[in-house]
């Protein structure tokens, strides 16, 4: 695990203090990311707990949702610049499709949409190939650990 994020992080008090405590986090937009990084720098490791914790942001309406999405985008841009650039693949096609629906298609928008769609398809194939090559069974749970480090159930102990 290379970083931590989210409202469901648990940290022992002495580890939190050795990582700099609240004073160290006060001026950061992504305090959760910085906390995880600081914990690692203090010589500790980050782990994912077995239980799944669901956290739903309290977003009231469309305007609040947009503000929330913009804050997340700023956080990703600051903490993971390469991941932020990858958001073009994740959101670009949807935004271009919306543009075409609202303003009509033009050659550039159609070409860019097709390029993003092709890149998504290629990325999907690459991820599937990597997962099948790297996935290893975890006999303790009957789950497979993928290349990304996440676990998924395949109904058997064989991950193929």
Protein backbone atom coordinates (compact mmCIF):
# COMPACT_ATOMS: atom_id res chain seq x y z
CA UNK A 1 0.00 0.00 0.00
CA UNK A 2 1.56 3.28 -1.10
CA UNK A 3 -0.89 5.79 0.34
CA UNK A 4 -3.93 6.14 2.56
CA UNK A 5 -7.13 8.03 1.96
CA UNK A 6 -10.61 8.42 3.25
CA UNK A 7 -12.72 8.86 6.30
CA UNK A 8 -12.25 5.27 7.52
CA UNK A 9 -8.56 5.36 8.42
CA UNK A 10 -7.48 4.04 11.81
CA UNK A 11 -4.17 5.09 13.34
CA UNK A 12 -2.77 4.39 16.80
CA UNK A 13 -2.24 7.58 18.81
CA UNK A 14 1.51 7.11 19.23
CA UNK A 15 1.93 6.50 15.47
CA UNK A 16 -0.19 9.58 14.68
CA UNK A 17 2.00 11.71 16.97
CA UNK A 18 5.25 10.32 15.52
CA UNK A 19 3.95 11.14 12.04
CA UNK A 20 3.56 14.81 13.03
CA UNK A 21 0.03 14.92 14.43
CA UNK A 22 -2.55 17.57 13.65
CA UNK A 23 0.00 20.36 13.35
CA UNK A 24 1.65 18.55 10.42
CA UNK A 25 -1.68 18.08 8.61
CA UNK A 26 -3.27 21.49 9.17
CA UNK A 27 -2.18 23.17 5.92
CA UNK A 28 -2.82 20.31 3.49
CA UNK A 29 -5.82 19.86 1.22
CA UNK A 30 -5.36 16.07 1.22
CA UNK A 31 -4.67 15.52 4.91
CA UNK A 32 -5.53 11.82 4.67
CA UNK A 33 -3.00 11.29 1.87
CA UNK A 34 -0.35 13.26 3.78
CA UNK A 35 -1.08 11.27 6.95
CA UNK A 36 -0.50 7.97 5.15
CA UNK A 37 2.70 9.29 3.58
CA UNK A 38 3.92 10.62 6.95
CA UNK A 39 3.20 7.29 8.65
CA UNK A 40 5.34 5.52 6.08
CA UNK A 41 8.10 8.09 6.43
CA UNK A 42 8.03 7.50 10.19
CA UNK A 43 8.87 3.84 9.51
CA UNK A 44 5.44 2.22 9.69
CA UNK A 45 3.55 0.34 7.00
CA UNK A 46 0.04 0.89 5.69
CA UNK A 47 -2.40 -1.99 5.43
CA UNK A 48 -5.91 -2.51 4.17
CA UNK A 49 -8.22 -3.96 6.79
CA UNK A 50 -10.33 -6.97 5.89
CA UNK A 51 -13.72 -5.38 6.71
CA UNK A 52 -15.19 -3.06 4.09
CA UNK A 53 -16.20 0.35 5.41
CA UNK A 54 -18.71 2.24 3.32
CA UNK A 55 -18.51 6.00 3.55
CA UNK A 56 -21.06 8.15 1.76
CA UNK A 57 -20.37 11.88 1.49
CA UNK A 58 -23.16 14.15 2.65
CA UNK A 59 -23.92 15.88 -0.64
CA UNK A 60 -27.13 17.86 -0.68
CA UNK A 61 -27.81 18.80 -4.29
CA UNK A 62 -26.28 19.36 -7.72
CA UNK A 63 -24.22 22.43 -6.80
CA UNK A 64 -22.85 20.75 -3.65
CA UNK A 65 -22.08 17.60 -5.63
CA UNK A 66 -20.16 19.64 -8.21
CA UNK A 67 -18.14 21.37 -5.45
CA UNK A 68 -17.38 17.96 -3.95
CA UNK A 69 -16.20 16.58 -7.31
CA UNK A 70 -14.01 19.65 -7.91
CA UNK A 71 -12.42 19.24 -4.46
CA UNK A 72 -11.69 15.57 -5.20
CA UNK A 73 -10.20 16.51 -8.57
CA UNK A 74 -7.95 19.14 -6.94
CA UNK A 75 -6.88 16.61 -4.33
CA UNK A 76 -5.98 14.01 -6.97
CA UNK A 77 -4.15 16.63 -9.04
CA UNK A 78 -1.99 17.57 -6.05
CA UNK A 79 -1.36 14.07 -4.66
CA UNK A 80 -1.23 11.90 -7.78
CA UNK A 81 -0.49 14.06 -10.86
CA UNK A 82 -0.17 11.03 -13.17
CA UNK A 83 -3.50 9.71 -11.90
CA UNK A 84 -5.02 13.10 -12.55
CA UNK A 85 -3.90 12.94 -16.17
CA UNK A 86 -5.48 9.48 -16.33
CA UNK A 87 -8.82 11.05 -15.47
CA UNK A 88 -8.97 12.16 -19.11
CA UNK A 89 -9.62 8.51 -19.95
CA UNK A 90 -12.11 8.08 -17.12
CA UNK A 91 -14.15 11.22 -17.67
CA UNK A 92 -13.19 12.56 -21.08
CA UNK A 93 -15.52 10.38 -23.11
CA UNK A 94 -18.53 11.27 -20.94
CA UNK A 95 -17.78 14.98 -21.09
CA UNK A 96 -17.26 14.90 -24.86
CA UNK A 97 -20.51 12.95 -25.32
CA UNK A 98 -22.32 15.58 -23.24
CA UNK A 99 -20.74 18.32 -25.38
CA UNK A 100 -21.96 16.60 -28.57
CA UNK A 101 -25.49 16.20 -27.15
CA UNK A 102 -25.67 19.85 -26.12
CA UNK A 103 -23.87 21.54 -29.04
CA UNK A 104 -23.82 18.92 -31.79
CA UNK A 105 -20.87 16.90 -33.06
CA UNK A 106 -17.86 18.34 -34.83
CA UNK A 107 -14.93 16.47 -36.40
CA UNK A 108 -12.48 17.18 -33.58
CA UNK A 109 -14.87 16.12 -30.80
CA UNK A 110 -15.85 12.91 -32.60
CA UNK A 111 -12.18 12.08 -33.31
CA UNK A 112 -11.17 12.76 -29.71
CA UNK A 113 -14.10 10.70 -28.38
CA UNK A 114 -13.15 7.74 -30.55
CA UNK A 115 -9.51 8.07 -29.46
CA UNK A 116 -10.48 8.04 -25.78
CA UNK A 117 -12.82 5.11 -26.35
CA UNK A 118 -10.00 3.17 -28.07
CA UNK A 119 -7.57 4.00 -25.25
CA UNK A 120 -10.13 2.77 -22.68
CA UNK A 121 -10.58 -0.49 -24.58
CA UNK A 122 -6.82 -0.99 -24.83
CA UNK A 123 -6.38 -0.24 -21.11
CA UNK A 124 -9.15 -2.71 -20.26
CA UNK A 125 -7.45 -5.47 -22.27
CA UNK A 126 -4.06 -4.68 -20.70
CA UNK A 127 -5.52 -4.81 -17.18
CA UNK A 128 -7.21 -8.16 -17.85
CA UNK A 129 -3.98 -9.63 -19.22
CA UNK A 130 -1.97 -8.35 -16.24
CA UNK A 131 -4.53 -9.59 -13.72
CA UNK A 132 -4.60 -13.07 -15.21
CA UNK A 133 -0.79 -13.18 -15.30
CA UNK A 134 -0.25 -11.86 -11.76
CA UNK A 135 -3.36 -12.99 -9.84
CA UNK A 136 -2.55 -15.41 -7.06
CA UNK A 137 -5.00 -17.38 -4.95
CA UNK A 138 -5.42 -16.53 -1.31
CA UNK A 139 -6.44 -19.88 0.21
CA UNK A 140 -7.32 -18.27 3.52
CA UNK A 141 -10.33 -16.51 2.02
CA UNK A 142 -10.92 -18.20 -1.31
CA UNK A 143 -10.26 -14.86 -2.97
CA UNK A 144 -7.77 -13.87 -5.62
CA UNK A 145 -5.40 -10.99 -5.20
CA UNK A 146 -5.14 -9.01 -8.39
CA UNK A 147 -2.20 -7.05 -9.78
CA UNK A 148 -3.64 -3.90 -8.23
CA UNK A 149 -3.60 -5.53 -4.79
CA UNK A 150 -7.39 -5.74 -4.55
CA UNK A 151 -9.27 -8.92 -3.81
CA UNK A 152 -12.15 -10.38 -5.74
CA UNK A 153 -14.12 -13.56 -5.31
CA UNK A 154 -14.07 -16.04 -8.15
CA UNK A 155 -16.21 -18.68 -6.50
CA UNK A 156 -13.25 -20.99 -6.21
CA UNK A 157 -9.65 -20.93 -5.06
CA UNK A 158 -8.42 -20.95 -8.63
CA UNK A 159 -7.99 -17.46 -10.04
CA UNK A 160 -7.79 -18.28 -13.71
